Amino acid sequence: MNIVDLRQTTVRQIEPLLEEEARHWRDELHWDYRGALELIKRFLDAHALAGCVAFENGVAVGYSFYVLEDQKGLIGGLYVSSKFPQDSIAPRLLEELLVSMRAIPHLARIEAQLMPFSGPVDTPLIGQGFHLYTRQFMLLDLHKTHEAKAGASAGMRLNRWNDRYFEPCAKLIYLAYTNHVDGEINDQYRSRAGALKFLKNIILLPGCGQFVP
């Protein structure tokens, strides 16, 4: 197995791997990942996405990438094909990625919210000094739900989104997540400026889904 810098590869080389990953998002999490994939492909075309790819006999079998935000590094994804031994490939990719990230001057924090598509990576993450937090993915079939639902408060009013709500909503997010575990996972929740950046990301970036105002 060879590990190659992601910036030295092309979309054509890893596109089958990306499409396989998108199928996992769709089949397991009911999430349309195509918008995020198009964004990833644009950065790959520009050779501007930092990360690494594992090749087995010339075939891309796994990849991982990261982005930088001030003094923080974000592991944006780690995916290994289910057709290959994930238990050995995923830790190797993770190790290579973290070696690169730790070498970046002034980097003070690394965050990751990884999807469970690449086999267990808890042990290598703990070995690298990460704190792990369990997340639950829940699904409710609305067609099979007949429980009575509480009505909206008489004082509640729903308005369509307007950009003037950015600042007050950022303040609300910051206050709501004070002393919350999510503030340990994502430090954007710890300040109003960070909450504003988080809010703009989920509204403006296609990787977070389609925003319907």
N, C-alpha and C. Protein backbone atom coordinates (compact mmCIF):
# COMPACT_ATOMS: atom_id res chain seq x y z
N MET A 1 0.84 -1.20 0.00
CA MET A 1 0.00 0.00 0.00
C MET A 1 0.88 1.25 0.00
N ASN A 2 0.53 2.20 -0.84
CA ASN A 2 1.24 3.47 -0.92
C ASN A 2 0.35 4.60 -0.41
N ILE A 3 0.93 5.50 0.36
CA ILE A 3 0.22 6.69 0.81
C ILE A 3 0.76 7.88 0.04
N VAL A 4 -0.13 8.61 -0.64
CA VAL A 4 0.25 9.71 -1.52
C VAL A 4 -0.42 10.99 -1.04
N ASP A 5 0.28 12.11 -1.18
CA ASP A 5 -0.30 13.41 -0.86
C ASP A 5 -1.53 13.65 -1.75
N LEU A 6 -2.62 14.05 -1.14
CA LEU A 6 -3.87 14.25 -1.87
C LEU A 6 -3.71 15.28 -2.99
N ARG A 7 -2.83 16.25 -2.80
CA ARG A 7 -2.65 17.30 -3.80
C ARG A 7 -1.91 16.81 -5.04
N GLN A 8 -1.38 15.60 -4.97
CA GLN A 8 -0.70 15.02 -6.12
C GLN A 8 -1.60 14.08 -6.92
N THR A 9 -2.85 13.98 -6.53
CA THR A 9 -3.79 13.09 -7.21
C THR A 9 -4.79 13.90 -8.02
N THR A 10 -5.60 13.20 -8.80
CA THR A 10 -6.63 13.83 -9.61
C THR A 10 -7.99 13.30 -9.21
N VAL A 11 -9.02 14.03 -9.61
CA VAL A 11 -10.39 13.59 -9.33
C VAL A 11 -10.64 12.22 -9.97
N ARG A 12 -10.15 12.03 -11.18
CA ARG A 12 -10.38 10.76 -11.89
C ARG A 12 -9.84 9.58 -11.09
N GLN A 13 -8.70 9.77 -10.43
CA GLN A 13 -8.09 8.67 -9.68
C GLN A 13 -8.92 8.24 -8.48
N ILE A 14 -9.58 9.17 -7.83
CA ILE A 14 -10.30 8.80 -6.60
C ILE A 14 -11.82 8.94 -6.73
N GLU A 15 -12.32 9.26 -7.92
CA GLU A 15 -13.76 9.45 -8.08
C GLU A 15 -14.57 8.21 -7.71
N PRO A 16 -14.15 6.98 -8.10
CA PRO A 16 -14.92 5.80 -7.66
C PRO A 16 -15.03 5.70 -6.14
N LEU A 17 -13.96 6.08 -5.45
CA LEU A 17 -13.97 6.06 -3.99
C LEU A 17 -14.94 7.10 -3.44
N LEU A 18 -14.96 8.28 -4.05
CA LEU A 18 -15.89 9.33 -3.61
C LEU A 18 -17.33 8.91 -3.83
N GLU A 19 -17.61 8.26 -4.96
CA GLU A 19 -18.98 7.83 -5.24
C GLU A 19 -19.42 6.74 -4.27
N GLU A 20 -18.50 5.86 -3.91
CA GLU A 20 -18.82 4.83 -2.93
C GLU A 20 -19.15 5.45 -1.58
N GLU A 21 -18.37 6.46 -1.20
CA GLU A 21 -18.62 7.17 0.05
C GLU A 21 -20.00 7.83 0.03
N ALA A 22 -20.35 8.44 -1.09
CA ALA A 22 -21.66 9.10 -1.21
C ALA A 22 -22.79 8.10 -1.04
N ARG A 23 -22.60 6.88 -1.54
CA ARG A 23 -23.64 5.85 -1.38
C ARG A 23 -23.82 5.49 0.09
N HIS A 24 -22.73 5.45 0.84
CA HIS A 24 -22.85 5.18 2.28
C HIS A 24 -23.65 6.29 2.97
N TRP A 25 -23.36 7.53 2.63
CA TRP A 25 -24.12 8.65 3.21
C TRP A 25 -25.61 8.50 2.89
N ARG A 26 -25.91 8.13 1.66
CA ARG A 26 -27.32 8.02 1.25
C ARG A 26 -28.00 6.82 1.91
N ASP A 27 -27.35 5.65 1.88
CA ASP A 27 -27.99 4.43 2.34
C ASP A 27 -28.06 4.33 3.86
N GLU A 28 -27.03 4.82 4.55
CA GLU A 28 -26.99 4.66 6.00
C GLU A 28 -27.53 5.87 6.77
N LEU A 29 -27.31 7.06 6.22
CA LEU A 29 -27.73 8.28 6.93
C LEU A 29 -28.81 9.06 6.20
N HIS A 30 -29.24 8.54 5.01
CA HIS A 30 -30.29 9.21 4.23
C HIS A 30 -29.90 10.66 3.92
N TRP A 31 -28.64 10.86 3.58
CA TRP A 31 -28.09 12.19 3.35
C TRP A 31 -27.57 12.29 1.93
N ASP A 32 -27.98 13.34 1.23
CA ASP A 32 -27.49 13.58 -0.12
C ASP A 32 -26.13 14.28 -0.02
N TYR A 33 -25.08 13.54 -0.30
CA TYR A 33 -23.72 14.03 -0.11
C TYR A 33 -23.14 14.65 -1.39
N ARG A 34 -23.95 14.74 -2.44
CA ARG A 34 -23.42 15.18 -3.73
C ARG A 34 -22.91 16.61 -3.70
N GLY A 35 -23.57 17.49 -2.96
CA GLY A 35 -23.11 18.88 -2.87
C GLY A 35 -21.73 18.97 -2.25
N ALA A 36 -21.51 18.19 -1.19
CA ALA A 36 -20.19 18.18 -0.55
C ALA A 36 -19.14 17.59 -1.48
N LEU A 37 -19.53 16.55 -2.24
CA LEU A 37 -18.58 15.94 -3.17
C LEU A 37 -18.14 16.91 -4.25
N GLU A 38 -19.08 17.69 -4.76
CA GLU A 38 -18.71 18.66 -5.80
C GLU A 38 -17.72 19.68 -5.26
N LEU A 39 -17.90 20.07 -4.01
CA LEU A 39 -16.97 21.01 -3.38
C LEU A 39 -15.59 20.38 -3.24
N ILE A 40 -15.56 19.12 -2.79
CA ILE A 40 -14.29 18.40 -2.66
C ILE A 40 -13.60 18.28 -4.01
N LYS A 41 -14.37 17.97 -5.05
CA LYS A 41 -13.79 17.80 -6.39
C LYS A 41 -13.19 19.10 -6.91
N ARG A 42 -13.84 20.22 -6.61
CA ARG A 42 -13.30 21.50 -7.07
C ARG A 42 -11.93 21.77 -6.44
N PHE A 43 -11.82 21.47 -5.15
CA PHE A 43 -10.53 21.67 -4.48
C PHE A 43 -9.49 20.67 -4.99
N LEU A 44 -9.94 19.45 -5.30
CA LEU A 44 -9.01 18.47 -5.86
C LEU A 44 -8.50 18.91 -7.22
N ASP A 45 -9.39 19.43 -8.05
CA ASP A 45 -8.99 19.92 -9.37
C ASP A 45 -7.95 21.03 -9.27
N ALA A 46 -8.08 21.83 -8.22
CA ALA A 46 -7.13 22.94 -8.02
C ALA A 46 -5.89 22.50 -7.25
N HIS A 47 -5.83 21.21 -6.88
CA HIS A 47 -4.72 20.67 -6.08
C HIS A 47 -4.52 21.50 -4.82
N ALA A 48 -5.65 21.83 -4.19
CA ALA A 48 -5.62 22.73 -3.03
C ALA A 48 -6.19 22.07 -1.76
N LEU A 49 -6.43 20.75 -1.81
CA LEU A 49 -7.00 20.07 -0.65
C LEU A 49 -5.91 19.24 0.02
N ALA A 50 -5.57 19.60 1.26
CA ALA A 50 -4.51 18.90 1.98
C ALA A 50 -5.03 17.58 2.54
N GLY A 51 -4.22 16.55 2.41
CA GLY A 51 -4.63 15.24 2.92
C GLY A 51 -3.79 14.15 2.30
N CYS A 52 -4.30 12.92 2.34
CA CYS A 52 -3.56 11.80 1.79
C CYS A 52 -4.51 10.75 1.24
N VAL A 53 -3.99 9.94 0.32
CA VAL A 53 -4.75 8.88 -0.33
C VAL A 53 -3.97 7.58 -0.22
N ALA A 54 -4.66 6.49 0.08
CA ALA A 54 -4.05 5.17 0.10
C ALA A 54 -4.34 4.47 -1.23
N PHE A 55 -3.29 3.99 -1.87
CA PHE A 55 -3.43 3.26 -3.13
C PHE A 55 -2.98 1.81 -2.93
N GLU A 56 -3.76 0.90 -3.49
CA GLU A 56 -3.43 -0.53 -3.49
C GLU A 56 -3.43 -1.00 -4.93
N ASN A 57 -2.24 -1.36 -5.44
CA ASN A 57 -2.10 -1.78 -6.84
C ASN A 57 -2.69 -0.74 -7.80
N GLY A 58 -2.44 0.52 -7.52
CA GLY A 58 -2.88 1.60 -8.39
C GLY A 58 -4.32 2.04 -8.20
N VAL A 59 -5.04 1.40 -7.27
CA VAL A 59 -6.45 1.73 -7.02
C VAL A 59 -6.55 2.50 -5.70
N ALA A 60 -7.26 3.62 -5.72
CA ALA A 60 -7.48 4.40 -4.50
C ALA A 60 -8.44 3.65 -3.59
N VAL A 61 -8.00 3.32 -2.39
CA VAL A 61 -8.82 2.52 -1.47
C VAL A 61 -9.24 3.30 -0.23
N GLY A 62 -8.67 4.48 -0.03
CA GLY A 62 -9.04 5.30 1.12
C GLY A 62 -8.42 6.67 1.01
N TYR A 63 -9.04 7.63 1.67
CA TYR A 63 -8.48 8.99 1.65
C TYR A 63 -8.91 9.73 2.91
N SER A 64 -8.18 10.78 3.20
CA SER A 64 -8.53 11.66 4.31
C SER A 64 -8.03 13.05 3.97
N PHE A 65 -8.73 14.07 4.49
CA PHE A 65 -8.31 15.44 4.21
C PHE A 65 -8.56 16.33 5.42
N TYR A 66 -7.92 17.48 5.39
CA TYR A 66 -8.12 18.44 6.47
C TYR A 66 -8.10 19.86 5.92
N VAL A 67 -8.67 20.76 6.70
CA VAL A 67 -8.64 22.19 6.37
C VAL A 67 -8.16 22.94 7.62
N LEU A 68 -7.64 24.13 7.39
CA LEU A 68 -7.13 24.95 8.48
C LEU A 68 -8.03 26.15 8.71
N GLU A 69 -8.23 26.47 9.97
CA GLU A 69 -9.05 27.61 10.35
C GLU A 69 -8.35 28.32 11.50
N ASP A 70 -7.66 29.41 11.18
CA ASP A 70 -6.86 30.12 12.18
C ASP A 70 -5.83 29.16 12.78
N GLN A 71 -5.89 28.92 14.09
CA GLN A 71 -4.93 28.03 14.74
C GLN A 71 -5.52 26.64 14.98
N LYS A 72 -6.52 26.30 14.21
CA LYS A 72 -7.21 25.02 14.38
C LYS A 72 -7.18 24.23 13.08
N GLY A 73 -7.01 22.92 13.20
CA GLY A 73 -7.10 22.03 12.05
C GLY A 73 -8.35 21.18 12.16
N LEU A 74 -9.06 21.03 11.06
CA LEU A 74 -10.30 20.24 11.03
C LEU A 74 -10.11 19.06 10.09
N ILE A 75 -10.20 17.84 10.62
CA ILE A 75 -10.18 16.67 9.76
C ILE A 75 -11.55 16.58 9.11
N GLY A 76 -11.60 16.89 7.83
CA GLY A 76 -12.89 16.99 7.15
C GLY A 76 -13.49 15.67 6.76
N GLY A 77 -12.66 14.63 6.64
CA GLY A 77 -13.20 13.34 6.26
C GLY A 77 -12.14 12.26 6.32
N LEU A 78 -12.59 11.05 6.58
CA LEU A 78 -11.75 9.85 6.54
C LEU A 78 -12.63 8.74 6.00
N TYR A 79 -12.26 8.22 4.84
CA TYR A 79 -13.08 7.16 4.25
C TYR A 79 -12.18 6.08 3.66
N VAL A 80 -12.52 4.83 3.96
CA VAL A 80 -11.83 3.67 3.40
C VAL A 80 -12.88 2.75 2.80
N SER A 81 -12.63 2.28 1.59
CA SER A 81 -13.58 1.41 0.90
C SER A 81 -13.83 0.14 1.71
N SER A 82 -15.08 -0.28 1.76
CA SER A 82 -15.45 -1.51 2.47
C SER A 82 -14.95 -2.75 1.74
N LYS A 83 -14.42 -2.58 0.53
CA LYS A 83 -13.89 -3.72 -0.24
C LYS A 83 -12.47 -4.07 0.17
N PHE A 84 -11.88 -3.27 1.05
CA PHE A 84 -10.50 -3.47 1.45
C PHE A 84 -10.41 -3.49 2.98
N PRO A 85 -9.28 -3.98 3.53
CA PRO A 85 -9.16 -4.11 5.00
C PRO A 85 -9.11 -2.75 5.70
N GLN A 86 -10.25 -2.32 6.18
CA GLN A 86 -10.36 -1.00 6.81
C GLN A 86 -9.54 -0.91 8.09
N ASP A 87 -9.46 -2.03 8.84
CA ASP A 87 -8.79 -2.01 10.14
C ASP A 87 -7.32 -1.62 10.04
N SER A 88 -6.70 -1.90 8.91
CA SER A 88 -5.29 -1.56 8.76
C SER A 88 -5.09 -0.26 7.98
N ILE A 89 -5.99 0.03 7.05
CA ILE A 89 -5.82 1.21 6.19
C ILE A 89 -6.19 2.50 6.91
N ALA A 90 -7.33 2.50 7.61
CA ALA A 90 -7.81 3.73 8.27
C ALA A 90 -6.80 4.26 9.30
N PRO A 91 -6.25 3.43 10.19
CA PRO A 91 -5.26 3.96 11.14
C PRO A 91 -4.01 4.50 10.45
N ARG A 92 -3.62 3.87 9.35
CA ARG A 92 -2.43 4.35 8.63
C ARG A 92 -2.70 5.72 8.02
N LEU A 93 -3.85 5.89 7.41
CA LEU A 93 -4.22 7.19 6.86
C LEU A 93 -4.27 8.26 7.95
N LEU A 94 -4.88 7.89 9.06
CA LEU A 94 -5.02 8.83 10.17
C LEU A 94 -3.64 9.24 10.70
N GLU A 95 -2.75 8.28 10.83
CA GLU A 95 -1.41 8.58 11.32
C GLU A 95 -0.67 9.53 10.38
N GLU A 96 -0.74 9.24 9.07
CA GLU A 96 -0.06 10.09 8.09
C GLU A 96 -0.63 11.52 8.12
N LEU A 97 -1.95 11.60 8.24
CA LEU A 97 -2.60 12.91 8.26
C LEU A 97 -2.16 13.72 9.47
N LEU A 98 -2.14 13.07 10.63
CA LEU A 98 -1.81 13.79 11.86
C LEU A 98 -0.34 14.18 11.92
N VAL A 99 0.53 13.39 11.32
CA VAL A 99 1.94 13.78 11.24
C VAL A 99 2.06 15.10 10.48
N SER A 100 1.33 15.21 9.37
CA SER A 100 1.37 16.44 8.57
C SER A 100 0.79 17.62 9.35
N MET A 101 -0.32 17.39 10.05
CA MET A 101 -0.97 18.47 10.76
C MET A 101 -0.13 18.95 11.94
N ARG A 102 0.46 18.03 12.67
CA ARG A 102 1.26 18.42 13.84
C ARG A 102 2.51 19.21 13.44
N ALA A 103 2.91 19.09 12.18
CA ALA A 103 4.10 19.81 11.72
C ALA A 103 3.79 21.25 11.32
N ILE A 104 2.51 21.62 11.31
CA ILE A 104 2.12 22.97 10.91
C ILE A 104 2.40 23.94 12.06
N PRO A 105 3.16 25.00 11.82
CA PRO A 105 3.48 25.95 12.90
C PRO A 105 2.22 26.61 13.48
N HIS A 106 2.21 26.79 14.78
CA HIS A 106 1.16 27.53 15.50
C HIS A 106 -0.19 26.81 15.52
N LEU A 107 -0.26 25.57 15.06
CA LEU A 107 -1.52 24.84 15.15
C LEU A 107 -1.73 24.40 16.60
N ALA A 108 -2.85 24.82 17.20
CA ALA A 108 -3.06 24.59 18.63
C ALA A 108 -4.14 23.55 18.92
N ARG A 109 -4.95 23.21 17.93
CA ARG A 109 -6.09 22.34 18.20
C ARG A 109 -6.45 21.58 16.93
N ILE A 110 -6.85 20.32 17.09
CA ILE A 110 -7.34 19.52 15.96
C ILE A 110 -8.71 18.96 16.34
N GLU A 111 -9.68 19.17 15.47
CA GLU A 111 -11.03 18.64 15.68
C GLU A 111 -11.37 17.66 14.57
N ALA A 112 -12.24 16.72 14.88
CA ALA A 112 -12.72 15.77 13.87
C ALA A 112 -14.09 15.27 14.27
N GLN A 113 -15.00 15.24 13.32
CA GLN A 113 -16.30 14.60 13.51
C GLN A 113 -16.45 13.59 12.38
N LEU A 114 -15.96 12.38 12.62
CA LEU A 114 -15.82 11.38 11.57
C LEU A 114 -17.04 10.48 11.50
N MET A 115 -17.45 10.16 10.28
CA MET A 115 -18.56 9.24 10.06
C MET A 115 -18.06 7.80 10.19
N PRO A 116 -18.92 6.89 10.65
CA PRO A 116 -18.47 5.51 10.95
C PRO A 116 -18.44 4.61 9.72
N PHE A 117 -17.86 5.09 8.62
CA PHE A 117 -17.85 4.31 7.38
C PHE A 117 -16.53 3.58 7.15
N SER A 118 -15.52 3.85 7.94
CA SER A 118 -14.17 3.36 7.65
C SER A 118 -13.67 2.36 8.67
N GLY A 119 -14.58 1.74 9.40
CA GLY A 119 -14.17 0.81 10.43
C GLY A 119 -13.81 1.54 11.71
N PRO A 120 -13.49 0.80 12.77
CA PRO A 120 -13.20 1.42 14.07
C PRO A 120 -11.88 2.19 14.05
N VAL A 121 -11.94 3.43 14.48
CA VAL A 121 -10.71 4.24 14.59
C VAL A 121 -10.56 4.81 16.01
N ASP A 122 -11.37 4.30 16.94
CA ASP A 122 -11.30 4.81 18.31
C ASP A 122 -9.91 4.62 18.91
N THR A 123 -9.35 3.43 18.77
CA THR A 123 -8.06 3.13 19.39
C THR A 123 -6.94 4.03 18.87
N PRO A 124 -6.78 4.17 17.54
CA PRO A 124 -5.72 5.08 17.08
C PRO A 124 -5.96 6.53 17.46
N LEU A 125 -7.21 6.96 17.54
CA LEU A 125 -7.49 8.33 17.95
C LEU A 125 -7.09 8.56 19.41
N ILE A 126 -7.45 7.61 20.26
CA ILE A 126 -7.07 7.72 21.68
C ILE A 126 -5.55 7.70 21.81
N GLY A 127 -4.91 6.85 21.00
CA GLY A 127 -3.46 6.78 21.03
C GLY A 127 -2.79 8.07 20.61
N GLN A 128 -3.49 8.87 19.81
CA GLN A 128 -2.97 10.17 19.36
C GLN A 128 -3.33 11.30 20.32
N GLY A 129 -4.03 10.96 21.42
CA GLY A 129 -4.33 11.96 22.43
C GLY A 129 -5.68 12.64 22.29
N PHE A 130 -6.56 12.12 21.42
CA PHE A 130 -7.87 12.74 21.24
C PHE A 130 -8.81 12.36 22.39
N HIS A 131 -9.75 13.25 22.69
CA HIS A 131 -10.87 12.94 23.57
C HIS A 131 -12.04 12.54 22.67
N LEU A 132 -12.68 11.41 22.97
CA LEU A 132 -13.75 10.89 22.12
C LEU A 132 -15.11 11.13 22.75
N TYR A 133 -16.08 11.46 21.91
CA TYR A 133 -17.46 11.67 22.35
C TYR A 133 -18.38 10.89 21.42
N THR A 134 -19.29 10.12 22.02
CA THR A 134 -20.21 9.30 21.23
C THR A 134 -21.36 10.16 20.71
N ARG A 135 -21.73 9.93 19.45
CA ARG A 135 -22.88 10.63 18.87
C ARG A 135 -23.89 9.59 18.43
N GLN A 136 -25.17 9.92 18.59
CA GLN A 136 -26.25 9.03 18.20
C GLN A 136 -26.94 9.59 16.96
N PHE A 137 -27.08 8.76 15.94
CA PHE A 137 -27.83 9.15 14.75
C PHE A 137 -29.21 8.51 14.84
N MET A 138 -30.23 9.34 14.86
CA MET A 138 -31.59 8.86 15.08
C MET A 138 -32.45 9.12 13.84
N LEU A 139 -33.37 8.20 13.59
CA LEU A 139 -34.24 8.27 12.42
C LEU A 139 -35.68 8.03 12.86
N LEU A 140 -36.57 8.89 12.42
CA LEU A 140 -37.99 8.76 12.74
C LEU A 140 -38.79 8.70 11.45
N ASP A 141 -39.56 7.63 11.28
CA ASP A 141 -40.43 7.49 10.11
C ASP A 141 -41.74 8.22 10.41
N LEU A 142 -41.93 9.37 9.80
CA LEU A 142 -43.11 10.19 10.09
C LEU A 142 -44.39 9.54 9.61
N HIS A 143 -44.29 8.64 8.64
CA HIS A 143 -45.49 7.96 8.13
C HIS A 143 -46.01 6.92 9.12
N LYS A 144 -45.16 6.50 10.06
CA LYS A 144 -45.57 5.48 11.03
C LYS A 144 -45.76 6.06 12.42
N THR A 145 -45.71 7.36 12.54
CA THR A 145 -45.82 8.01 13.84
C THR A 145 -47.21 8.60 13.99
N HIS A 146 -47.91 8.18 15.04
CA HIS A 146 -49.29 8.64 15.24
C HIS A 146 -49.47 9.33 16.59
N GLU A 147 -48.36 9.56 17.28
CA GLU A 147 -48.48 10.19 18.59
C GLU A 147 -48.92 11.65 18.44
N ALA A 148 -49.71 12.10 19.41
CA ALA A 148 -50.15 13.49 19.40
C ALA A 148 -48.95 14.41 19.61
N LYS A 149 -48.94 15.47 18.89
CA LYS A 149 -47.83 16.41 18.97
C LYS A 149 -48.29 17.71 19.63
N ALA A 150 -47.44 18.24 20.49
CA ALA A 150 -47.77 19.48 21.18
C ALA A 150 -47.87 20.62 20.18
N GLY A 151 -48.86 21.47 20.35
CA GLY A 151 -49.02 22.61 19.46
C GLY A 151 -48.02 23.70 19.77
N ALA A 152 -47.86 24.60 18.84
CA ALA A 152 -46.92 25.71 19.03
C ALA A 152 -47.46 26.67 20.08
N SER A 153 -46.55 27.32 20.78
CA SER A 153 -46.93 28.31 21.77
C SER A 153 -47.70 29.44 21.10
N ALA A 154 -48.68 29.97 21.83
CA ALA A 154 -49.50 31.05 21.26
C ALA A 154 -48.68 32.29 20.96
N GLY A 155 -47.56 32.46 21.66
CA GLY A 155 -46.73 33.64 21.43
C GLY A 155 -45.64 33.44 20.39
N MET A 156 -45.61 32.27 19.76
CA MET A 156 -44.55 31.98 18.79
C MET A 156 -44.96 32.42 17.39
N ARG A 157 -43.99 33.01 16.68
CA ARG A 157 -44.22 33.41 15.29
C ARG A 157 -43.04 32.93 14.45
N LEU A 158 -43.32 32.34 13.30
CA LEU A 158 -42.28 31.86 12.40
C LEU A 158 -42.09 32.84 11.25
N ASN A 159 -40.88 33.32 11.09
CA ASN A 159 -40.55 34.23 10.00
C ASN A 159 -39.60 33.56 9.02
N ARG A 160 -39.65 33.98 7.77
CA ARG A 160 -38.68 33.50 6.79
C ARG A 160 -37.31 34.08 7.13
N TRP A 161 -36.27 33.32 6.76
CA TRP A 161 -34.91 33.75 7.10
C TRP A 161 -34.54 35.04 6.39
N ASN A 162 -33.82 35.89 7.12
CA ASN A 162 -33.26 37.11 6.57
C ASN A 162 -31.86 37.27 7.16
N ASP A 163 -30.94 37.80 6.39
CA ASP A 163 -29.56 37.92 6.87
C ASP A 163 -29.43 38.79 8.11
N ARG A 164 -30.43 39.59 8.40
CA ARG A 164 -30.34 40.41 9.62
C ARG A 164 -30.43 39.54 10.89
N TYR A 165 -30.82 38.28 10.72
CA TYR A 165 -30.91 37.38 11.87
C TYR A 165 -29.57 36.73 12.22
N PHE A 166 -28.54 36.93 11.40
CA PHE A 166 -27.26 36.28 11.67
C PHE A 166 -26.76 36.59 13.08
N GLU A 167 -26.67 37.87 13.41
CA GLU A 167 -26.09 38.26 14.71
C GLU A 167 -26.92 37.77 15.90
N PRO A 168 -28.26 38.01 15.93
CA PRO A 168 -29.02 37.53 17.08
C PRO A 168 -29.04 36.01 17.19
N CYS A 169 -29.05 35.31 16.05
CA CYS A 169 -29.04 33.84 16.10
C CYS A 169 -27.69 33.32 16.58
N ALA A 170 -26.62 34.00 16.19
CA ALA A 170 -25.30 33.61 16.68
C ALA A 170 -25.22 33.77 18.20
N LYS A 171 -25.79 34.86 18.71
CA LYS A 171 -25.82 35.06 20.16
C LYS A 171 -26.62 33.96 20.83
N LEU A 172 -27.76 33.58 20.24
CA LEU A 172 -28.59 32.52 20.79
C LEU A 172 -27.84 31.19 20.84
N ILE A 173 -27.14 30.85 19.75
CA ILE A 173 -26.37 29.61 19.70
C ILE A 173 -25.30 29.61 20.78
N TYR A 174 -24.59 30.73 20.89
CA TYR A 174 -23.53 30.84 21.90
C TYR A 174 -24.09 30.62 23.31
N LEU A 175 -25.21 31.26 23.63
CA LEU A 175 -25.80 31.14 24.96
C LEU A 175 -26.35 29.73 25.20
N ALA A 176 -26.95 29.14 24.16
CA ALA A 176 -27.55 27.82 24.30
C ALA A 176 -26.50 26.74 24.55
N TYR A 177 -25.30 26.93 24.01
CA TYR A 177 -24.27 25.90 24.13
C TYR A 177 -23.25 26.20 25.23
N THR A 178 -23.51 27.19 26.06
CA THR A 178 -22.62 27.46 27.19
C THR A 178 -22.55 26.24 28.11
N ASN A 179 -21.34 25.79 28.41
CA ASN A 179 -21.11 24.62 29.26
C ASN A 179 -21.72 23.34 28.70
N HIS A 180 -21.91 23.29 27.39
CA HIS A 180 -22.46 22.10 26.73
C HIS A 180 -21.33 21.28 26.16
N VAL A 181 -21.52 19.95 26.08
CA VAL A 181 -20.47 19.07 25.57
C VAL A 181 -20.08 19.41 24.14
N ASP A 182 -21.01 19.94 23.35
CA ASP A 182 -20.68 20.29 21.97
C ASP A 182 -19.62 21.38 21.89
N GLY A 183 -19.50 22.18 22.95
CA GLY A 183 -18.45 23.18 23.00
C GLY A 183 -17.07 22.55 23.15
N GLU A 184 -17.02 21.34 23.71
CA GLU A 184 -15.76 20.60 23.77
C GLU A 184 -15.40 20.04 22.40
N ILE A 185 -16.42 19.65 21.63
CA ILE A 185 -16.19 19.05 20.31
C ILE A 185 -15.86 20.11 19.28
N ASN A 186 -16.59 21.22 19.30
CA ASN A 186 -16.42 22.29 18.32
C ASN A 186 -16.27 23.62 19.07
N ASP A 187 -15.09 24.20 19.02
CA ASP A 187 -14.86 25.41 19.81
C ASP A 187 -15.55 26.65 19.24
N GLN A 188 -16.21 26.54 18.09
CA GLN A 188 -16.97 27.68 17.57
C GLN A 188 -18.14 28.03 18.47
N TYR A 189 -18.64 27.06 19.23
CA TYR A 189 -19.76 27.32 20.13
C TYR A 189 -19.35 28.16 21.34
N ARG A 190 -18.07 28.36 21.54
CA ARG A 190 -17.60 29.00 22.77
C ARG A 190 -17.56 30.52 22.70
N SER A 191 -17.86 31.10 21.56
CA SER A 191 -17.86 32.56 21.44
C SER A 191 -18.92 32.98 20.44
N ARG A 192 -19.34 34.23 20.53
CA ARG A 192 -20.33 34.73 19.57
C ARG A 192 -19.74 34.80 18.17
N ALA A 193 -18.46 35.18 18.07
CA ALA A 193 -17.82 35.23 16.75
C ALA A 193 -17.73 33.84 16.14
N GLY A 194 -17.41 32.85 16.96
CA GLY A 194 -17.35 31.47 16.47
C GLY A 194 -18.72 30.96 16.06
N ALA A 195 -19.74 31.28 16.86
CA ALA A 195 -21.10 30.85 16.53
C ALA A 195 -21.58 31.49 15.23
N LEU A 196 -21.18 32.73 14.99
CA LEU A 196 -21.54 33.40 13.74
C LEU A 196 -20.88 32.70 12.55
N LYS A 197 -19.63 32.32 12.71
CA LYS A 197 -18.93 31.60 11.64
C LYS A 197 -19.60 30.25 11.38
N PHE A 198 -19.96 29.55 12.45
CA PHE A 198 -20.66 28.27 12.33
C PHE A 198 -21.98 28.44 11.58
N LEU A 199 -22.74 29.46 11.95
CA LEU A 199 -24.04 29.71 11.34
C LEU A 199 -23.90 29.99 9.85
N LYS A 200 -22.92 30.81 9.49
CA LYS A 200 -22.71 31.13 8.07
C LYS A 200 -22.28 29.89 7.29
N ASN A 201 -21.50 29.02 7.93
CA ASN A 201 -21.08 27.80 7.26
C ASN A 201 -22.27 26.91 6.91
N ILE A 202 -23.18 26.71 7.86
CA ILE A 202 -24.29 25.79 7.60
C ILE A 202 -25.31 26.39 6.64
N ILE A 203 -25.35 27.71 6.53
CA ILE A 203 -26.31 28.35 5.63
C ILE A 203 -25.73 28.55 4.24
N LEU A 204 -24.45 28.86 4.14
CA LEU A 204 -23.87 29.26 2.86
C LEU A 204 -23.14 28.14 2.13
N LEU A 205 -22.65 27.11 2.85
CA LEU A 205 -21.85 26.08 2.21
C LEU A 205 -22.70 24.87 1.82
N PRO A 206 -22.53 24.35 0.60
CA PRO A 206 -23.36 23.24 0.12
C PRO A 206 -23.13 21.94 0.87
N GLY A 207 -21.95 21.77 1.49
CA GLY A 207 -21.67 20.53 2.19
C GLY A 207 -22.54 20.31 3.40
N CYS A 208 -23.21 21.35 3.88
CA CYS A 208 -24.06 21.25 5.06
C CYS A 208 -25.52 20.99 4.71
N GLY A 209 -25.80 20.73 3.44
CA GLY A 209 -27.18 20.52 3.02
C GLY A 209 -27.73 21.75 2.32
N GLN A 210 -28.95 21.64 1.86
CA GLN A 210 -29.59 22.74 1.14
C GLN A 210 -30.39 23.58 2.13
N PHE A 211 -30.00 24.82 2.27
CA PHE A 211 -30.70 25.72 3.19
C PHE A 211 -31.95 26.26 2.51
N VAL A 212 -33.10 26.07 3.16
CA VAL A 212 -34.38 26.55 2.64
C VAL A 212 -34.87 27.65 3.56
N PRO A 213 -34.73 28.92 3.17
CA PRO A 213 -35.10 30.03 4.07
C PRO A 213 -36.60 30.13 4.28
